[in-house]
Amino acid sequence: MVQVGDGVVMRRWHSRIRTGDRSAYAAYINATGGADYAATPGNLGFQMLMRDLGDGSTEVTTLSWWQSPAAITAFAGADISRARYYPEDDRFLLEKPDTVDHYDVVAGDLVGGGVA
């Protein structure tokens, strides 16, 4: 079990896609980012959230949980504040933010790993 105070970090990335691409983009992320998260030691899981904005676009937010900033480095590279993109992202994304946000996890539970 991972204990609060052990350095658990939540990484948050967000962008927008065309609403019609929801299913295709979710499948694409599961095959790319999701597979990379799962293969990276220290990753505690991820979720992708979608919210239709009513203008033909959908906001996408990806949340991932990590045992430490060092574990994020193994996924994202030396500058963990930089967003990581994949070859076909330009096909889907209406905007590509350069950076992501990181938050210290101070309370709550992670499914399967538990943050107490």
N, C-alpha and C. Protein backbone atom coordinates (compact mmCIF):
# COMPACT_ATOMS: atom_id res chain seq x y z
N MET A 1 0.85 -1.18 0.00
CA MET A 1 0.00 0.00 0.00
C MET A 1 0.89 1.24 0.00
N VAL A 2 0.49 2.22 -0.77
CA VAL A 2 1.22 3.49 -0.83
C VAL A 2 0.65 4.41 0.23
N GLN A 3 1.50 4.96 1.05
CA GLN A 3 1.06 5.85 2.13
C GLN A 3 1.19 7.31 1.70
N VAL A 4 0.22 8.15 2.10
CA VAL A 4 0.35 9.59 1.87
C VAL A 4 1.62 10.05 2.55
N GLY A 5 2.33 10.93 1.90
CA GLY A 5 3.61 11.39 2.43
C GLY A 5 4.77 10.63 1.80
N ASP A 6 4.45 9.57 1.06
CA ASP A 6 5.49 8.80 0.37
C ASP A 6 5.88 9.43 -0.96
N GLY A 7 5.34 10.60 -1.29
CA GLY A 7 5.70 11.28 -2.52
C GLY A 7 4.78 11.03 -3.68
N VAL A 8 3.59 10.46 -3.45
CA VAL A 8 2.66 10.19 -4.55
C VAL A 8 2.27 11.50 -5.23
N VAL A 9 2.30 11.48 -6.56
CA VAL A 9 2.03 12.67 -7.36
C VAL A 9 0.96 12.34 -8.40
N MET A 10 0.02 13.27 -8.60
CA MET A 10 -0.97 13.15 -9.67
C MET A 10 -0.57 14.09 -10.79
N ARG A 11 -0.53 13.57 -12.00
CA ARG A 11 -0.16 14.34 -13.20
C ARG A 11 -1.45 14.60 -14.00
N ARG A 12 -1.68 15.86 -14.36
CA ARG A 12 -2.91 16.25 -15.07
C ARG A 12 -2.56 16.92 -16.39
N TRP A 13 -3.13 16.37 -17.48
CA TRP A 13 -2.99 16.95 -18.81
C TRP A 13 -4.40 17.17 -19.35
N HIS A 14 -4.58 18.23 -20.15
CA HIS A 14 -5.91 18.45 -20.75
C HIS A 14 -5.79 19.10 -22.11
N SER A 15 -6.81 18.85 -22.94
CA SER A 15 -6.88 19.42 -24.27
C SER A 15 -8.33 19.31 -24.77
N ARG A 16 -8.50 19.48 -26.08
CA ARG A 16 -9.83 19.35 -26.69
C ARG A 16 -9.71 18.54 -27.98
N ILE A 17 -10.78 17.79 -28.27
CA ILE A 17 -10.90 17.03 -29.51
C ILE A 17 -12.26 17.34 -30.13
N ARG A 18 -12.48 16.90 -31.36
CA ARG A 18 -13.81 16.98 -31.96
C ARG A 18 -14.69 15.94 -31.28
N THR A 19 -15.91 16.30 -30.94
CA THR A 19 -16.81 15.39 -30.25
C THR A 19 -17.00 14.08 -31.02
N GLY A 20 -17.02 14.14 -32.32
CA GLY A 20 -17.17 12.94 -33.13
C GLY A 20 -16.01 11.96 -33.02
N ASP A 21 -14.90 12.41 -32.47
CA ASP A 21 -13.71 11.56 -32.32
C ASP A 21 -13.59 10.91 -30.95
N ARG A 22 -14.60 11.06 -30.10
CA ARG A 22 -14.51 10.55 -28.73
C ARG A 22 -14.06 9.09 -28.66
N SER A 23 -14.79 8.21 -29.30
CA SER A 23 -14.49 6.77 -29.21
C SER A 23 -13.14 6.44 -29.81
N ALA A 24 -12.84 7.00 -30.97
CA ALA A 24 -11.56 6.73 -31.62
C ALA A 24 -10.40 7.25 -30.78
N TYR A 25 -10.57 8.42 -30.17
CA TYR A 25 -9.49 8.98 -29.37
C TYR A 25 -9.28 8.17 -28.09
N ALA A 26 -10.37 7.73 -27.46
CA ALA A 26 -10.24 6.91 -26.26
C ALA A 26 -9.48 5.62 -26.58
N ALA A 27 -9.80 4.98 -27.69
CA ALA A 27 -9.11 3.76 -28.09
C ALA A 27 -7.63 4.04 -28.38
N TYR A 28 -7.37 5.15 -29.05
CA TYR A 28 -6.00 5.55 -29.37
C TYR A 28 -5.18 5.78 -28.10
N ILE A 29 -5.75 6.49 -27.14
CA ILE A 29 -5.03 6.75 -25.88
C ILE A 29 -4.80 5.46 -25.09
N ASN A 30 -5.77 4.58 -25.06
CA ASN A 30 -5.56 3.30 -24.37
C ASN A 30 -4.40 2.54 -24.98
N ALA A 31 -4.24 2.61 -26.31
CA ALA A 31 -3.18 1.87 -26.99
C ALA A 31 -1.82 2.56 -26.91
N THR A 32 -1.80 3.86 -26.67
CA THR A 32 -0.53 4.60 -26.62
C THR A 32 -0.21 4.99 -25.19
N GLY A 33 -0.77 6.09 -24.73
CA GLY A 33 -0.49 6.58 -23.38
C GLY A 33 -0.82 5.58 -22.30
N GLY A 34 -1.97 4.93 -22.40
CA GLY A 34 -2.37 3.95 -21.40
C GLY A 34 -1.39 2.79 -21.30
N ALA A 35 -0.95 2.32 -22.46
CA ALA A 35 0.02 1.22 -22.48
C ALA A 35 1.35 1.68 -21.90
N ASP A 36 1.75 2.92 -22.21
CA ASP A 36 3.00 3.44 -21.66
C ASP A 36 2.92 3.65 -20.16
N TYR A 37 1.78 4.16 -19.68
CA TYR A 37 1.61 4.30 -18.23
C TYR A 37 1.81 2.94 -17.57
N ALA A 38 1.09 1.94 -18.05
CA ALA A 38 1.12 0.61 -17.44
C ALA A 38 2.51 -0.01 -17.46
N ALA A 39 3.29 0.31 -18.49
CA ALA A 39 4.63 -0.27 -18.63
C ALA A 39 5.70 0.48 -17.84
N THR A 40 5.34 1.62 -17.24
CA THR A 40 6.33 2.43 -16.54
C THR A 40 6.34 2.09 -15.05
N PRO A 41 7.43 1.59 -14.52
CA PRO A 41 7.51 1.32 -13.08
C PRO A 41 7.20 2.59 -12.28
N GLY A 42 6.38 2.44 -11.26
CA GLY A 42 6.01 3.57 -10.42
C GLY A 42 4.70 4.21 -10.80
N ASN A 43 4.09 3.80 -11.93
CA ASN A 43 2.77 4.32 -12.27
C ASN A 43 1.73 3.56 -11.46
N LEU A 44 0.82 4.30 -10.85
CA LEU A 44 -0.21 3.71 -10.01
C LEU A 44 -1.57 3.67 -10.69
N GLY A 45 -1.63 4.07 -11.96
CA GLY A 45 -2.87 4.04 -12.73
C GLY A 45 -3.15 5.36 -13.40
N PHE A 46 -4.16 5.35 -14.27
CA PHE A 46 -4.57 6.58 -14.95
C PHE A 46 -6.05 6.52 -15.27
N GLN A 47 -6.61 7.68 -15.54
CA GLN A 47 -7.99 7.81 -16.00
C GLN A 47 -8.04 8.89 -17.07
N MET A 48 -8.95 8.72 -18.02
CA MET A 48 -9.19 9.76 -19.01
C MET A 48 -10.64 10.20 -18.85
N LEU A 49 -10.83 11.50 -18.73
CA LEU A 49 -12.15 12.09 -18.55
C LEU A 49 -12.52 12.87 -19.80
N MET A 50 -13.81 12.86 -20.18
CA MET A 50 -14.27 13.65 -21.32
C MET A 50 -15.53 14.40 -20.92
N ARG A 51 -15.62 15.63 -21.46
CA ARG A 51 -16.78 16.48 -21.19
C ARG A 51 -17.10 17.23 -22.48
N ASP A 52 -18.30 16.96 -23.04
CA ASP A 52 -18.72 17.67 -24.25
C ASP A 52 -18.99 19.13 -23.92
N LEU A 53 -18.49 20.00 -24.77
CA LEU A 53 -18.62 21.44 -24.53
C LEU A 53 -19.80 22.06 -25.28
N GLY A 54 -20.50 21.28 -26.11
CA GLY A 54 -21.70 21.76 -26.78
C GLY A 54 -21.43 22.55 -28.05
N ASP A 55 -20.18 22.67 -28.45
CA ASP A 55 -19.83 23.43 -29.65
C ASP A 55 -19.17 22.53 -30.69
N GLY A 56 -19.36 21.22 -30.54
CA GLY A 56 -18.72 20.27 -31.43
C GLY A 56 -17.36 19.80 -30.94
N SER A 57 -16.95 20.31 -29.79
CA SER A 57 -15.68 19.88 -29.22
C SER A 57 -15.90 19.25 -27.85
N THR A 58 -14.94 18.46 -27.45
CA THR A 58 -14.98 17.75 -26.17
C THR A 58 -13.67 18.00 -25.44
N GLU A 59 -13.79 18.40 -24.19
CA GLU A 59 -12.61 18.57 -23.35
C GLU A 59 -12.16 17.19 -22.88
N VAL A 60 -10.86 16.96 -22.93
CA VAL A 60 -10.26 15.70 -22.49
C VAL A 60 -9.27 16.02 -21.38
N THR A 61 -9.37 15.29 -20.29
CA THR A 61 -8.42 15.42 -19.19
C THR A 61 -7.88 14.03 -18.87
N THR A 62 -6.59 13.93 -18.78
CA THR A 62 -5.96 12.67 -18.38
C THR A 62 -5.30 12.89 -17.02
N LEU A 63 -5.63 12.00 -16.10
CA LEU A 63 -5.05 12.01 -14.76
C LEU A 63 -4.24 10.73 -14.60
N SER A 64 -3.02 10.85 -14.12
CA SER A 64 -2.23 9.66 -13.83
C SER A 64 -1.58 9.84 -12.46
N TRP A 65 -1.42 8.72 -11.77
CA TRP A 65 -0.86 8.74 -10.41
C TRP A 65 0.47 8.01 -10.41
N TRP A 66 1.43 8.60 -9.69
CA TRP A 66 2.81 8.13 -9.71
C TRP A 66 3.36 8.02 -8.29
N GLN A 67 4.23 7.05 -8.07
CA GLN A 67 4.83 6.86 -6.75
C GLN A 67 5.77 7.98 -6.37
N SER A 68 6.32 8.68 -7.37
CA SER A 68 7.29 9.74 -7.07
C SER A 68 7.55 10.55 -8.34
N PRO A 69 8.14 11.75 -8.19
CA PRO A 69 8.56 12.50 -9.38
C PRO A 69 9.56 11.71 -10.23
N ALA A 70 10.40 10.90 -9.61
CA ALA A 70 11.37 10.10 -10.36
C ALA A 70 10.65 9.11 -11.29
N ALA A 71 9.54 8.56 -10.84
CA ALA A 71 8.77 7.65 -11.69
C ALA A 71 8.20 8.40 -12.89
N ILE A 72 7.78 9.65 -12.69
CA ILE A 72 7.28 10.46 -13.81
C ILE A 72 8.40 10.70 -14.82
N THR A 73 9.61 10.92 -14.33
CA THR A 73 10.75 11.13 -15.22
C THR A 73 10.93 9.95 -16.17
N ALA A 74 10.73 8.74 -15.67
CA ALA A 74 10.86 7.55 -16.52
C ALA A 74 9.83 7.55 -17.64
N PHE A 75 8.67 8.17 -17.41
CA PHE A 75 7.62 8.25 -18.41
C PHE A 75 7.79 9.46 -19.32
N ALA A 76 8.06 10.62 -18.74
CA ALA A 76 7.98 11.89 -19.46
C ALA A 76 9.32 12.49 -19.87
N GLY A 77 10.40 12.02 -19.27
CA GLY A 77 11.70 12.61 -19.55
C GLY A 77 12.13 13.54 -18.42
N ALA A 78 13.29 14.15 -18.58
CA ALA A 78 13.91 14.95 -17.52
C ALA A 78 13.07 16.13 -17.08
N ASP A 79 12.38 16.78 -18.02
CA ASP A 79 11.51 17.91 -17.67
C ASP A 79 10.08 17.41 -17.55
N ILE A 80 9.71 17.00 -16.34
CA ILE A 80 8.39 16.38 -16.16
C ILE A 80 7.23 17.35 -16.35
N SER A 81 7.52 18.64 -16.44
CA SER A 81 6.45 19.61 -16.68
C SER A 81 6.02 19.64 -18.14
N ARG A 82 6.81 19.03 -19.03
CA ARG A 82 6.49 19.01 -20.47
C ARG A 82 5.47 17.92 -20.77
N ALA A 83 4.50 18.24 -21.61
CA ALA A 83 3.53 17.25 -22.06
C ALA A 83 4.21 16.25 -22.98
N ARG A 84 3.73 15.03 -22.97
CA ARG A 84 4.25 13.98 -23.85
C ARG A 84 3.20 13.70 -24.91
N TYR A 85 3.61 13.69 -26.17
CA TYR A 85 2.69 13.46 -27.28
C TYR A 85 3.12 12.27 -28.11
N TYR A 86 2.16 11.74 -28.87
CA TYR A 86 2.35 10.56 -29.70
C TYR A 86 2.14 10.93 -31.16
N PRO A 87 2.63 10.07 -32.08
CA PRO A 87 2.66 10.42 -33.51
C PRO A 87 1.33 10.87 -34.11
N GLU A 88 0.21 10.28 -33.72
CA GLU A 88 -1.06 10.65 -34.35
C GLU A 88 -1.87 11.66 -33.54
N ASP A 89 -1.29 12.25 -32.53
CA ASP A 89 -2.02 13.24 -31.73
C ASP A 89 -2.53 14.40 -32.58
N ASP A 90 -1.75 14.81 -33.57
CA ASP A 90 -2.20 15.93 -34.41
C ASP A 90 -3.50 15.62 -35.14
N ARG A 91 -3.75 14.37 -35.39
CA ARG A 91 -5.00 13.96 -36.06
C ARG A 91 -6.22 14.26 -35.18
N PHE A 92 -6.05 14.17 -33.86
CA PHE A 92 -7.17 14.30 -32.93
C PHE A 92 -7.25 15.64 -32.22
N LEU A 93 -6.11 16.15 -31.77
CA LEU A 93 -6.11 17.28 -30.84
C LEU A 93 -6.34 18.61 -31.53
N LEU A 94 -7.22 19.43 -30.94
CA LEU A 94 -7.47 20.78 -31.44
C LEU A 94 -6.47 21.77 -30.85
N GLU A 95 -5.83 21.38 -29.77
CA GLU A 95 -4.78 22.19 -29.15
C GLU A 95 -3.82 21.24 -28.44
N LYS A 96 -2.55 21.63 -28.36
CA LYS A 96 -1.53 20.80 -27.72
C LYS A 96 -0.77 21.64 -26.69
N PRO A 97 -1.26 21.66 -25.46
CA PRO A 97 -0.55 22.41 -24.41
C PRO A 97 0.88 21.88 -24.26
N ASP A 98 1.79 22.79 -24.00
CA ASP A 98 3.19 22.42 -23.82
C ASP A 98 3.47 21.76 -22.48
N THR A 99 2.65 22.09 -21.48
CA THR A 99 2.95 21.64 -20.13
C THR A 99 1.78 20.90 -19.50
N VAL A 100 2.07 20.21 -18.41
CA VAL A 100 1.09 19.51 -17.60
C VAL A 100 1.18 20.05 -16.17
N ASP A 101 0.22 19.69 -15.35
CA ASP A 101 0.23 20.09 -13.94
C ASP A 101 0.51 18.87 -13.07
N HIS A 102 1.18 19.10 -11.94
CA HIS A 102 1.44 18.04 -10.97
C HIS A 102 0.91 18.48 -9.61
N TYR A 103 0.36 17.51 -8.88
CA TYR A 103 -0.21 17.77 -7.56
C TYR A 103 0.29 16.71 -6.60
N ASP A 104 0.65 17.10 -5.39
CA ASP A 104 0.97 16.15 -4.33
C ASP A 104 -0.33 15.54 -3.83
N VAL A 105 -0.38 14.22 -3.74
CA VAL A 105 -1.56 13.54 -3.21
C VAL A 105 -1.43 13.49 -1.69
N VAL A 106 -2.39 14.09 -1.00
CA VAL A 106 -2.30 14.19 0.46
C VAL A 106 -3.38 13.40 1.20
N ALA A 107 -4.40 12.92 0.48
CA ALA A 107 -5.45 12.12 1.11
C ALA A 107 -6.22 11.38 0.02
N GLY A 108 -6.85 10.27 0.38
CA GLY A 108 -7.70 9.55 -0.55
C GLY A 108 -7.20 8.14 -0.79
N ASP A 109 -7.85 7.47 -1.75
CA ASP A 109 -7.53 6.09 -2.09
C ASP A 109 -7.27 5.98 -3.58
N LEU A 110 -6.36 5.11 -3.95
CA LEU A 110 -6.15 4.72 -5.34
C LEU A 110 -6.58 3.28 -5.47
N VAL A 111 -7.42 2.99 -6.44
CA VAL A 111 -7.93 1.64 -6.65
C VAL A 111 -6.75 0.70 -6.85
N GLY A 112 -6.72 -0.34 -6.08
CA GLY A 112 -5.67 -1.34 -6.21
C GLY A 112 -4.39 -1.00 -5.46
N GLY A 113 -4.07 0.27 -5.32
CA GLY A 113 -2.81 0.62 -4.68
C GLY A 113 -3.02 1.25 -3.32
N GLY A 114 -4.13 1.93 -3.18
CA GLY A 114 -4.47 2.54 -1.91
C GLY A 114 -3.53 3.64 -1.48
N VAL A 115 -4.05 4.80 -1.32
CA VAL A 115 -3.33 5.89 -0.68
C VAL A 115 -4.07 6.15 0.61
N ALA A 116 -3.41 5.98 1.71
CA ALA A 116 -4.08 6.12 3.01
C ALA A 116 -3.60 7.35 3.74
